[in-house]
Amino acid sequence: HRRDRWLCPCGSNKRLGVCCRKALNKASRLIPRDQVFSLH
């Protein structure tokens, strides 16, 4: 929840919802949540 309110990780100083939301949606489809910690 509330991911759109975070500052975008690209460094634009914009909220994620109006910046790189598509990149997050794409990454979320490619990587299951339970694998994120292992990748990190």
PDB file of all heavy atoms in Angstrom:
ATOM      1  N   HIS A   1       0.833  -1.201   0.000  1.00  0.00           N
ATOM      2  CA  HIS A   1       0.000   0.000   0.000  1.00  0.00           C
ATOM      3  C   HIS A   1       0.874   1.260   0.000  1.00  0.00           C
ATOM      4  O   HIS A   1       2.015   1.253   0.460  1.00  0.00           O
ATOM      5  CB  HIS A   1      -0.909   0.017   1.229  1.00  0.00           C
ATOM      6  CG  HIS A   1      -1.756  -1.210   1.366  1.00  0.00           C
ATOM      7  ND1 HIS A   1      -2.779  -1.508   0.497  1.00  0.00           N
ATOM      8  CD2 HIS A   1      -1.700  -2.232   2.251  1.00  0.00           C
ATOM      9  CE1 HIS A   1      -3.339  -2.659   0.862  1.00  0.00           C
ATOM     10  NE2 HIS A   1      -2.710  -3.110   1.918  1.00  0.00           N
ATOM     11  N   ARG A   2       0.316   2.339  -0.521  1.00  0.00           N
ATOM     12  CA  ARG A   2       0.880   3.685  -0.445  1.00  0.00           C
ATOM     13  C   ARG A   2       2.243   3.808  -1.133  1.00  0.00           C
ATOM     14  O   ARG A   2       3.000   4.716  -0.825  1.00  0.00           O
ATOM     15  CB  ARG A   2       1.009   4.123   1.020  1.00  0.00           C
ATOM     16  CG  ARG A   2      -0.325   4.173   1.737  1.00  0.00           C
ATOM     17  CD  ARG A   2      -0.160   4.652   3.165  1.00  0.00           C
ATOM     18  NE  ARG A   2      -1.450   4.730   3.837  1.00  0.00           N
ATOM     19  CZ  ARG A   2      -1.584   5.056   5.123  1.00  0.00           C
ATOM     20  NH1 ARG A   2      -0.518   5.347   5.855  1.00  0.00           N
ATOM     21  NH2 ARG A   2      -2.784   5.102   5.667  1.00  0.00           N
ATOM     22  N   ARG A   3       2.528   2.940  -2.064  1.00  0.00           N
ATOM     23  CA  ARG A   3       3.820   3.051  -2.740  1.00  0.00           C
ATOM     24  C   ARG A   3       3.888   4.315  -3.597  1.00  0.00           C
ATOM     25  O   ARG A   3       4.966   4.885  -3.779  1.00  0.00           O
ATOM     26  CB  ARG A   3       4.079   1.810  -3.611  1.00  0.00           C
ATOM     27  CG  ARG A   3       4.203   0.537  -2.803  1.00  0.00           C
ATOM     28  CD  ARG A   3       4.653  -0.632  -3.659  1.00  0.00           C
ATOM     29  NE  ARG A   3       3.683  -0.986  -4.677  1.00  0.00           N
ATOM     30  CZ  ARG A   3       3.778  -2.073  -5.456  1.00  0.00           C
ATOM     31  NH1 ARG A   3       4.816  -2.886  -5.333  1.00  0.00           N
ATOM     32  NH2 ARG A   3       2.868  -2.332  -6.360  1.00  0.00           N
ATOM     33  N   ASP A   4       2.761   4.731  -4.130  1.00  0.00           N
ATOM     34  CA  ASP A   4       2.757   5.910  -5.009  1.00  0.00           C
ATOM     35  C   ASP A   4       3.173   7.186  -4.283  1.00  0.00           C
ATOM     36  O   ASP A   4       3.556   8.169  -4.920  1.00  0.00           O
ATOM     37  CB  ASP A   4       1.363   6.111  -5.625  1.00  0.00           C
ATOM     38  CG  ASP A   4       1.065   5.087  -6.693  1.00  0.00           C
ATOM     39  OD1 ASP A   4       1.998   4.367  -7.086  1.00  0.00           O
ATOM     40  OD2 ASP A   4      -0.095   4.997  -7.130  1.00  0.00           O
ATOM     41  N   ARG A   5       3.086   7.206  -2.949  1.00  0.00           N
ATOM     42  CA  ARG A   5       3.400   8.415  -2.200  1.00  0.00           C
ATOM     43  C   ARG A   5       4.901   8.554  -1.928  1.00  0.00           C
ATOM     44  O   ARG A   5       5.346   9.612  -1.489  1.00  0.00           O
ATOM     45  CB  ARG A   5       2.635   8.421  -0.876  1.00  0.00           C
ATOM     46  CG  ARG A   5       1.128   8.385  -1.052  1.00  0.00           C
ATOM     47  CD  ARG A   5       0.424   8.487   0.288  1.00  0.00           C
ATOM     48  NE  ARG A   5      -1.032   8.403   0.151  1.00  0.00           N
ATOM     49  CZ  ARG A   5      -1.876   8.486   1.173  1.00  0.00           C
ATOM     50  NH1 ARG A   5      -1.408   8.657   2.399  1.00  0.00           N
ATOM     51  NH2 ARG A   5      -3.160   8.392   0.976  1.00  0.00           N
ATOM     52  N   TRP A   6       5.662   7.486  -2.163  1.00  0.00           N
ATOM     53  CA  TRP A   6       7.098   7.540  -1.897  1.00  0.00           C
ATOM     54  C   TRP A   6       7.795   8.352  -2.983  1.00  0.00           C
ATOM     55  O   TRP A   6       7.344   8.411  -4.124  1.00  0.00           O
ATOM     56  CB  TRP A   6       7.684   6.132  -1.880  1.00  0.00           C
ATOM     57  CG  TRP A   6       7.302   5.329  -0.677  1.00  0.00           C
ATOM     58  CD1 TRP A   6       6.123   4.679  -0.482  1.00  0.00           C
ATOM     59  CD2 TRP A   6       8.091   5.103   0.483  1.00  0.00           C
ATOM     60  NE1 TRP A   6       6.124   4.045   0.727  1.00  0.00           N
ATOM     61  CE2 TRP A   6       7.320   4.290   1.342  1.00  0.00           C
ATOM     62  CE3 TRP A   6       9.363   5.496   0.873  1.00  0.00           C
ATOM     63  CZ2 TRP A   6       7.796   3.865   2.578  1.00  0.00           C
ATOM     64  CZ3 TRP A   6       9.840   5.079   2.103  1.00  0.00           C
ATOM     65  CH2 TRP A   6       9.064   4.275   2.948  1.00  0.00           C
ATOM     66  N   LEU A   7       8.926   8.962  -2.615  1.00  0.00           N
ATOM     67  CA  LEU A   7       9.743   9.622  -3.626  1.00  0.00           C
ATOM     68  C   LEU A   7      10.275   8.579  -4.598  1.00  0.00           C
ATOM     69  O   LEU A   7      10.674   7.479  -4.196  1.00  0.00           O
ATOM     70  CB  LEU A   7      10.917  10.360  -2.980  1.00  0.00           C
ATOM     71  CG  LEU A   7      10.617  11.705  -2.315  1.00  0.00           C
ATOM     72  CD1 LEU A   7      11.888  12.268  -1.698  1.00  0.00           C
ATOM     73  CD2 LEU A   7      10.044  12.689  -3.334  1.00  0.00           C
ATOM     74  N   CYS A   8      10.266   8.898  -5.865  1.00  0.00           N
ATOM     75  CA  CYS A   8      10.704   7.946  -6.882  1.00  0.00           C
ATOM     76  C   CYS A   8      12.191   7.631  -6.702  1.00  0.00           C
ATOM     77  O   CYS A   8      13.011   8.544  -6.502  1.00  0.00           O
ATOM     78  CB  CYS A   8      10.462   8.523  -8.273  1.00  0.00           C
ATOM     79  SG  CYS A   8      10.751   7.310  -9.575  1.00  0.00           S
ATOM     80  N   PRO A   9      12.578   6.357  -6.775  1.00  0.00           N
ATOM     81  CA  PRO A   9      13.994   5.984  -6.582  1.00  0.00           C
ATOM     82  C   PRO A   9      14.916   6.467  -7.691  1.00  0.00           C
ATOM     83  O   PRO A   9      16.131   6.371  -7.557  1.00  0.00           O
ATOM     84  CB  PRO A   9      13.950   4.447  -6.537  1.00  0.00           C
ATOM     85  CG  PRO A   9      12.700   4.071  -7.252  1.00  0.00           C
ATOM     86  CD  PRO A   9      11.722   5.162  -6.945  1.00  0.00           C
ATOM     87  N   CYS A  10      14.355   7.028  -8.781  1.00  0.00           N
ATOM     88  CA  CYS A  10      15.220   7.477  -9.876  1.00  0.00           C
ATOM     89  C   CYS A  10      15.948   8.780  -9.545  1.00  0.00           C
ATOM     90  O   CYS A  10      16.865   9.181 -10.250  1.00  0.00           O
ATOM     91  CB  CYS A  10      14.428   7.636 -11.166  1.00  0.00           C
ATOM     92  SG  CYS A  10      13.384   9.104 -11.215  1.00  0.00           S
ATOM     93  N   GLY A  11      15.522   9.448  -8.462  1.00  0.00           N
ATOM     94  CA  GLY A  11      16.191  10.686  -8.067  1.00  0.00           C
ATOM     95  C   GLY A  11      15.552  11.945  -8.615  1.00  0.00           C
ATOM     96  O   GLY A  11      16.132  13.032  -8.535  1.00  0.00           O
ATOM     97  N   SER A  12      14.364  11.842  -9.163  1.00  0.00           N
ATOM     98  CA  SER A  12      13.706  13.010  -9.773  1.00  0.00           C
ATOM     99  C   SER A  12      13.085  13.954  -8.746  1.00  0.00           C
ATOM    100  O   SER A  12      12.667  15.058  -9.095  1.00  0.00           O
ATOM    101  CB  SER A  12      12.610  12.532 -10.730  1.00  0.00           C
ATOM    102  OG  SER A  12      11.559  11.895  -9.998  1.00  0.00           O
ATOM    103  N   ASN A  13      12.973  13.476  -7.487  1.00  0.00           N
ATOM    104  CA  ASN A  13      12.302  14.207  -6.412  1.00  0.00           C
ATOM    105  C   ASN A  13      10.800  14.316  -6.630  1.00  0.00           C
ATOM    106  O   ASN A  13      10.122  15.107  -5.969  1.00  0.00           O
ATOM    107  CB  ASN A  13      12.901  15.610  -6.218  1.00  0.00           C
ATOM    108  CG  ASN A  13      14.286  15.557  -5.597  1.00  0.00           C
ATOM    109  OD1 ASN A  13      14.554  14.715  -4.735  1.00  0.00           O
ATOM    110  ND2 ASN A  13      15.174  16.432  -6.042  1.00  0.00           N
ATOM    111  N   LYS A  14      10.274  13.535  -7.561  1.00  0.00           N
ATOM    112  CA  LYS A  14       8.826  13.442  -7.755  1.00  0.00           C
ATOM    113  C   LYS A  14       8.293  12.223  -7.014  1.00  0.00           C
ATOM    114  O   LYS A  14       9.037  11.311  -6.682  1.00  0.00           O
ATOM    115  CB  LYS A  14       8.497  13.316  -9.244  1.00  0.00           C
ATOM    116  CG  LYS A  14       8.917  14.504 -10.080  1.00  0.00           C
ATOM    117  CD  LYS A  14       8.568  14.245 -11.552  1.00  0.00           C
ATOM    118  CE  LYS A  14       8.990  15.408 -12.428  1.00  0.00           C
ATOM    119  NZ  LYS A  14       8.690  15.141 -13.869  1.00  0.00           N
ATOM    120  N   ARG A  15       6.969  12.242  -6.766  1.00  0.00           N
ATOM    121  CA  ARG A  15       6.354  11.055  -6.175  1.00  0.00           C
ATOM    122  C   ARG A  15       6.366   9.922  -7.194  1.00  0.00           C
ATOM    123  O   ARG A  15       6.234  10.140  -8.400  1.00  0.00           O
ATOM    124  CB  ARG A  15       4.928  11.362  -5.729  1.00  0.00           C
ATOM    125  CG  ARG A  15       4.846  12.242  -4.484  1.00  0.00           C
ATOM    126  CD  ARG A  15       3.429  12.401  -3.976  1.00  0.00           C
ATOM    127  NE  ARG A  15       2.570  13.072  -4.938  1.00  0.00           N
ATOM    128  CZ  ARG A  15       1.532  12.505  -5.543  1.00  0.00           C
ATOM    129  NH1 ARG A  15       1.228  11.244  -5.302  1.00  0.00           N
ATOM    130  NH2 ARG A  15       0.809  13.191  -6.400  1.00  0.00           N
ATOM    131  N   LEU A  16       6.507   8.701  -6.711  1.00  0.00           N
ATOM    132  CA  LEU A  16       6.571   7.535  -7.580  1.00  0.00           C
ATOM    133  C   LEU A  16       5.351   7.440  -8.489  1.00  0.00           C
ATOM    134  O   LEU A  16       5.456   7.070  -9.666  1.00  0.00           O
ATOM    135  CB  LEU A  16       6.685   6.261  -6.732  1.00  0.00           C
ATOM    136  CG  LEU A  16       6.674   4.932  -7.484  1.00  0.00           C
ATOM    137  CD1 LEU A  16       7.915   4.808  -8.356  1.00  0.00           C
ATOM    138  CD2 LEU A  16       6.601   3.769  -6.512  1.00  0.00           C
ATOM    139  N   GLY A  17       4.190   7.795  -7.954  1.00  0.00           N
ATOM    140  CA  GLY A  17       2.950   7.648  -8.716  1.00  0.00           C
ATOM    141  C   GLY A  17       2.914   8.466  -9.987  1.00  0.00           C
ATOM    142  O   GLY A  17       2.183   8.131 -10.920  1.00  0.00           O
ATOM    143  N   VAL A  18       3.681   9.554 -10.040  1.00  0.00           N
ATOM    144  CA  VAL A  18       3.681  10.396 -11.237  1.00  0.00           C
ATOM    145  C   VAL A  18       5.022  10.313 -11.965  1.00  0.00           C
ATOM    146  O   VAL A  18       5.298  11.122 -12.846  1.00  0.00           O
ATOM    147  CB  VAL A  18       3.369  11.869 -10.889  1.00  0.00           C
ATOM    148  CG1 VAL A  18       1.955  11.982 -10.331  1.00  0.00           C
ATOM    149  CG2 VAL A  18       4.391  12.424  -9.889  1.00  0.00           C
ATOM    150  N   CYS A  19       5.846   9.338 -11.589  1.00  0.00           N
ATOM    151  CA  CYS A  19       7.169   9.247 -12.224  1.00  0.00           C
ATOM    152  C   CYS A  19       7.403   7.834 -12.773  1.00  0.00           C
ATOM    153  O   CYS A  19       6.951   7.534 -13.871  1.00  0.00           O
ATOM    154  CB  CYS A  19       8.254   9.654 -11.223  1.00  0.00           C
ATOM    155  SG  CYS A  19       9.866   9.963 -11.998  1.00  0.00           S
ATOM    156  N   CYS A  20       8.058   6.980 -12.016  1.00  0.00           N
ATOM    157  CA  CYS A  20       8.462   5.656 -12.533  1.00  0.00           C
ATOM    158  C   CYS A  20       7.544   4.533 -12.067  1.00  0.00           C
ATOM    159  O   CYS A  20       7.996   3.413 -11.790  1.00  0.00           O
ATOM    160  CB  CYS A  20       9.907   5.358 -12.144  1.00  0.00           C
ATOM    161  SG  CYS A  20      11.127   6.429 -12.933  1.00  0.00           S
ATOM    162  N   ARG A  21       6.267   4.808 -11.970  1.00  0.00           N
ATOM    163  CA  ARG A  21       5.299   3.791 -11.516  1.00  0.00           C
ATOM    164  C   ARG A  21       5.300   2.582 -12.446  1.00  0.00           C
ATOM    165  O   ARG A  21       5.169   1.444 -11.999  1.00  0.00           O
ATOM    166  CB  ARG A  21       3.898   4.397 -11.461  1.00  0.00           C
ATOM    167  CG  ARG A  21       2.867   3.487 -10.783  1.00  0.00           C
ATOM    168  CD  ARG A  21       3.182   3.370  -9.309  1.00  0.00           C
ATOM    169  NE  ARG A  21       2.111   2.782  -8.528  1.00  0.00           N
ATOM    170  CZ  ARG A  21       1.903   1.477  -8.361  1.00  0.00           C
ATOM    171  NH1 ARG A  21       2.682   0.618  -8.972  1.00  0.00           N
ATOM    172  NH2 ARG A  21       0.933   1.047  -7.600  1.00  0.00           N
ATOM    173  N   LYS A  22       5.447   2.829 -13.753  1.00  0.00           N
ATOM    174  CA  LYS A  22       5.455   1.710 -14.701  1.00  0.00           C
ATOM    175  C   LYS A  22       6.628   0.767 -14.451  1.00  0.00           C
ATOM    176  O   LYS A  22       6.492  -0.451 -14.579  1.00  0.00           O
ATOM    177  CB  LYS A  22       5.493   2.236 -16.139  1.00  0.00           C
ATOM    178  CG  LYS A  22       4.208   2.906 -16.589  1.00  0.00           C
ATOM    179  CD  LYS A  22       4.297   3.323 -18.054  1.00  0.00           C
ATOM    180  CE  LYS A  22       3.006   3.959 -18.522  1.00  0.00           C
ATOM    181  NZ  LYS A  22       3.088   4.391 -19.960  1.00  0.00           N
ATOM    182  N   ALA A  23       7.787   1.340 -14.084  1.00  0.00           N
ATOM    183  CA  ALA A  23       8.956   0.518 -13.799  1.00  0.00           C
ATOM    184  C   ALA A  23       8.702  -0.370 -12.583  1.00  0.00           C
ATOM    185  O   ALA A  23       9.070  -1.551 -12.569  1.00  0.00           O
ATOM    186  CB  ALA A  23      10.184   1.394 -13.559  1.00  0.00           C
ATOM    187  N   LEU A  24       8.047   0.169 -11.553  1.00  0.00           N
ATOM    188  CA  LEU A  24       7.728  -0.620 -10.369  1.00  0.00           C
ATOM    189  C   LEU A  24       6.714  -1.706 -10.695  1.00  0.00           C
ATOM    190  O   LEU A  24       6.846  -2.857 -10.247  1.00  0.00           O
ATOM    191  CB  LEU A  24       7.195   0.284  -9.256  1.00  0.00           C
ATOM    192  CG  LEU A  24       6.757  -0.426  -7.971  1.00  0.00           C
ATOM    193  CD1 LEU A  24       7.912  -1.202  -7.361  1.00  0.00           C
ATOM    194  CD2 LEU A  24       6.207   0.583  -6.967  1.00  0.00           C
ATOM    195  N   ASN A  25       5.690  -1.356 -11.485  1.00  0.00           N
ATOM    196  CA  ASN A  25       4.700  -2.367 -11.877  1.00  0.00           C
ATOM    197  C   ASN A  25       5.361  -3.515 -12.644  1.00  0.00           C
ATOM    198  O   ASN A  25       5.050  -4.686 -12.421  1.00  0.00           O
ATOM    199  CB  ASN A  25       3.610  -1.723 -12.738  1.00  0.00           C
ATOM    200  CG  ASN A  25       2.708  -0.797 -11.949  1.00  0.00           C
ATOM    201  OD1 ASN A  25       2.660  -0.862 -10.723  1.00  0.00           O
ATOM    202  ND2 ASN A  25       2.006   0.076 -12.642  1.00  0.00           N
ATOM    203  N   LYS A  26       6.265  -3.161 -13.541  1.00  0.00           N
ATOM    204  CA  LYS A  26       6.950  -4.183 -14.340  1.00  0.00           C
ATOM    205  C   LYS A  26       7.807  -5.067 -13.445  1.00  0.00           C
ATOM    206  O   LYS A  26       7.764  -6.304 -13.554  1.00  0.00           O
ATOM    207  CB  LYS A  26       7.821  -3.506 -15.402  1.00  0.00           C
ATOM    208  CG  LYS A  26       8.534  -4.488 -16.325  1.00  0.00           C
ATOM    209  CD  LYS A  26       9.317  -3.724 -17.396  1.00  0.00           C
ATOM    210  CE  LYS A  26      10.021  -4.691 -18.345  1.00  0.00           C
ATOM    211  NZ  LYS A  26      10.784  -3.952 -19.395  1.00  0.00           N
ATOM    212  N   ALA A  27       8.598  -4.456 -12.542  1.00  0.00           N
ATOM    213  CA  ALA A  27       9.446  -5.225 -11.635  1.00  0.00           C
ATOM    214  C   ALA A  27       8.607  -6.118 -10.721  1.00  0.00           C
ATOM    215  O   ALA A  27       8.987  -7.253 -10.426  1.00  0.00           O
ATOM    216  CB  ALA A  27      10.322  -4.284 -10.808  1.00  0.00           C
ATOM    217  N   SER A  28       7.448  -5.614 -10.286  1.00  0.00           N
ATOM    218  CA  SER A  28       6.576  -6.390  -9.405  1.00  0.00           C
ATOM    219  C   SER A  28       6.022  -7.622 -10.114  1.00  0.00           C
ATOM    220  O   SER A  28       5.795  -8.657  -9.492  1.00  0.00           O
ATOM    221  CB  SER A  28       5.431  -5.514  -8.890  1.00  0.00           C
ATOM    222  OG  SER A  28       5.927  -4.438  -8.119  1.00  0.00           O
ATOM    223  N   ARG A  29       5.807  -7.505 -11.420  1.00  0.00           N
ATOM    224  CA  ARG A  29       5.324  -8.665 -12.186  1.00  0.00           C
ATOM    225  C   ARG A  29       6.433  -9.693 -12.391  1.00  0.00           C
ATOM    226  O   ARG A  29       6.180 -10.896 -12.437  1.00  0.00           O
ATOM    227  CB  ARG A  29       4.779  -8.214 -13.540  1.00  0.00           C
ATOM    228  CG  ARG A  29       3.472  -7.439 -13.475  1.00  0.00           C
ATOM    229  CD  ARG A  29       2.833  -7.325 -14.851  1.00  0.00           C
ATOM    230  NE  ARG A  29       3.688  -6.607 -15.787  1.00  0.00           N
ATOM    231  CZ  ARG A  29       3.638  -5.284 -15.981  1.00  0.00           C
ATOM    232  NH1 ARG A  29       2.785  -4.553 -15.277  1.00  0.00           N
ATOM    233  NH2 ARG A  29       4.421  -4.697 -16.854  1.00  0.00           N
ATOM    234  N   LEU A  30       7.665  -9.206 -12.522  1.00  0.00           N
ATOM    235  CA  LEU A  30       8.784 -10.100 -12.815  1.00  0.00           C
ATOM    236  C   LEU A  30       9.326 -10.801 -11.578  1.00  0.00           C
ATOM    237  O   LEU A  30       9.817 -11.932 -11.672  1.00  0.00           O
ATOM    238  CB  LEU A  30       9.920  -9.302 -13.478  1.00  0.00           C
ATOM    239  CG  LEU A  30       9.646  -8.758 -14.881  1.00  0.00           C
ATOM    240  CD1 LEU A  30      10.778  -7.834 -15.318  1.00  0.00           C
ATOM    241  CD2 LEU A  30       9.484  -9.901 -15.886  1.00  0.00           C
ATOM    242  N   ILE A  31       9.260 -10.155 -10.412  1.00  0.00           N
ATOM    243  CA  ILE A  31       9.868 -10.681  -9.199  1.00  0.00           C
ATOM    244  C   ILE A  31       8.805 -10.931  -8.133  1.00  0.00           C
ATOM    245  O   ILE A  31       8.162  -9.976  -7.672  1.00  0.00           O
ATOM    246  CB  ILE A  31      10.929  -9.704  -8.636  1.00  0.00           C
ATOM    247  CG1 ILE A  31      11.974  -9.378  -9.696  1.00  0.00           C
ATOM    248  CG2 ILE A  31      11.588 -10.288  -7.388  1.00  0.00           C
ATOM    249  CD1 ILE A  31      12.783 -10.573 -10.149  1.00  0.00           C
ATOM    250  N   PRO A  32       8.607 -12.184  -7.715  1.00  0.00           N
ATOM    251  CA  PRO A  32       7.678 -12.452  -6.610  1.00  0.00           C
ATOM    252  C   PRO A  32       8.160 -11.777  -5.326  1.00  0.00           C
ATOM    253  O   PRO A  32       9.364 -11.643  -5.098  1.00  0.00           O
ATOM    254  CB  PRO A  32       7.731 -13.992  -6.467  1.00  0.00           C
ATOM    255  CG  PRO A  32       8.271 -14.489  -7.761  1.00  0.00           C
ATOM    256  CD  PRO A  32       9.191 -13.414  -8.260  1.00  0.00           C
ATOM    257  N   ARG A  33       7.230 -11.362  -4.499  1.00  0.00           N
ATOM    258  CA  ARG A  33       7.595 -10.661  -3.270  1.00  0.00           C
ATOM    259  C   ARG A  33       8.529 -11.482  -2.389  1.00  0.00           C
ATOM    260  O   ARG A  33       9.428 -10.954  -1.748  1.00  0.00           O
ATOM    261  CB  ARG A  33       6.329 -10.298  -2.474  1.00  0.00           C
ATOM    262  CG  ARG A  33       5.556  -9.113  -3.044  1.00  0.00           C
ATOM    263  CD  ARG A  33       4.470  -8.680  -2.062  1.00  0.00           C
ATOM    264  NE  ARG A  33       3.842  -7.442  -2.474  1.00  0.00           N
ATOM    265  CZ  ARG A  33       2.732  -7.373  -3.197  1.00  0.00           C
ATOM    266  NH1 ARG A  33       2.154  -8.485  -3.596  1.00  0.00           N
ATOM    267  NH2 ARG A  33       2.212  -6.198  -3.533  1.00  0.00           N
ATOM    268  N   ASP A  34       8.332 -12.820  -2.356  1.00  0.00           N
ATOM    269  CA  ASP A  34       9.149 -13.632  -1.463  1.00  0.00           C
ATOM    270  C   ASP A  34      10.581 -13.811  -1.955  1.00  0.00           C
ATOM    271  O   ASP A  34      11.428 -14.354  -1.242  1.00  0.00           O
ATOM    272  CB  ASP A  34       8.501 -15.009  -1.242  1.00  0.00           C
ATOM    273  CG  ASP A  34       8.299 -15.777  -2.542  1.00  0.00           C
ATOM    274  OD1 ASP A  34       8.637 -15.245  -3.613  1.00  0.00           O
ATOM    275  OD2 ASP A  34       7.810 -16.917  -2.482  1.00  0.00           O
ATOM    276  N   GLN A  35      10.891 -13.353  -3.181  1.00  0.00           N
ATOM    277  CA  GLN A  35      12.259 -13.437  -3.682  1.00  0.00           C
ATOM    278  C   GLN A  35      13.025 -12.123  -3.558  1.00  0.00           C
ATOM    279  O   GLN A  35      14.234 -12.081  -3.768  1.00  0.00           O
ATOM    280  CB  GLN A  35      12.254 -13.868  -5.157  1.00  0.00           C
ATOM    281  CG  GLN A  35      11.877 -15.315  -5.388  1.00  0.00           C
ATOM    282  CD  GLN A  35      12.040 -15.717  -6.850  1.00  0.00           C
ATOM    283  OE1 GLN A  35      12.702 -15.038  -7.629  1.00  0.00           O
ATOM    284  NE2 GLN A  35      11.425 -16.824  -7.219  1.00  0.00           N
ATOM    285  N   VAL A  36      12.323 -11.066  -3.184  1.00  0.00           N
ATOM    286  CA  VAL A  36      12.961  -9.752  -3.159  1.00  0.00           C
ATOM    287  C   VAL A  36      14.088  -9.704  -2.130  1.00  0.00           C
ATOM    288  O   VAL A  36      15.177  -9.182  -2.398  1.00  0.00           O
ATOM    289  CB  VAL A  36      11.921  -8.657  -2.871  1.00  0.00           C
ATOM    290  CG1 VAL A  36      12.601  -7.314  -2.625  1.00  0.00           C
ATOM    291  CG2 VAL A  36      10.960  -8.533  -4.041  1.00  0.00           C
ATOM    292  N   PHE A  37      13.851 -10.249  -0.938  1.00  0.00           N
ATOM    293  CA  PHE A  37      14.871 -10.206   0.105  1.00  0.00           C
ATOM    294  C   PHE A  37      16.123 -10.959  -0.328  1.00  0.00           C
ATOM    295  O   PHE A  37      17.252 -10.494  -0.106  1.00  0.00           O
ATOM    296  CB  PHE A  37      14.326 -10.792   1.411  1.00  0.00           C
ATOM    297  CG  PHE A  37      15.309 -10.764   2.544  1.00  0.00           C
ATOM    298  CD1 PHE A  37      15.714  -9.555   3.104  1.00  0.00           C
ATOM    299  CD2 PHE A  37      15.850 -11.938   3.046  1.00  0.00           C
ATOM    300  CE1 PHE A  37      16.632  -9.517   4.147  1.00  0.00           C
ATOM    301  CE2 PHE A  37      16.773 -11.908   4.081  1.00  0.00           C
ATOM    302  CZ  PHE A  37      17.158 -10.697   4.643  1.00  0.00           C
ATOM    303  N   SER A  38      15.951 -12.106  -0.968  1.00  0.00           N
ATOM    304  CA  SER A  38      17.099 -12.880  -1.446  1.00  0.00           C
ATOM    305  C   SER A  38      17.889 -12.096  -2.488  1.00  0.00           C
ATOM    306  O   SER A  38      19.124 -12.104  -2.484  1.00  0.00           O
ATOM    307  CB  SER A  38      16.631 -14.213  -2.040  1.00  0.00           C
ATOM    308  OG  SER A  38      16.066 -15.034  -1.058  1.00  0.00           O
ATOM    309  N   LEU A  39      17.193 -11.409  -3.386  1.00  0.00           N
ATOM    310  CA  LEU A  39      17.875 -10.605  -4.394  1.00  0.00           C
ATOM    311  C   LEU A  39      18.622  -9.435  -3.758  1.00  0.00           C
ATOM    312  O   LEU A  39      19.728  -9.096  -4.171  1.00  0.00           O
ATOM    313  CB  LEU A  39      16.874 -10.082  -5.426  1.00  0.00           C
ATOM    314  CG  LEU A  39      16.407 -11.078  -6.482  1.00  0.00           C
ATOM    315  CD1 LEU A  39      15.326 -10.457  -7.347  1.00  0.00           C
ATOM    316  CD2 LEU A  39      17.568 -11.541  -7.352  1.00  0.00           C
ATOM    317  N   HIS A  40      18.028  -8.828  -2.740  1.00  0.00           N
ATOM    318  CA  HIS A  40      18.676  -7.713  -2.071  1.00  0.00           C
ATOM    319  C   HIS A  40      19.945  -8.190  -1.370  1.00  0.00           C
ATOM    320  O   HIS A  40      21.001  -7.536  -1.435  1.00  0.00           O
ATOM    321  CB  HIS A  40      17.727  -7.067  -1.064  1.00  0.00           C
ATOM    322  CG  HIS A  40      18.135  -5.695  -0.656  1.00  0.00           C
ATOM    323  ND1 HIS A  40      19.160  -5.465   0.243  1.00  0.00           N
ATOM    324  CD2 HIS A  40      17.690  -4.459  -1.025  1.00  0.00           C
ATOM    325  CE1 HIS A  40      19.319  -4.170   0.411  1.00  0.00           C
ATOM    326  NE2 HIS A  40      18.439  -3.527  -0.332  1.00  0.00           N
TER     327      HIS A  40
END
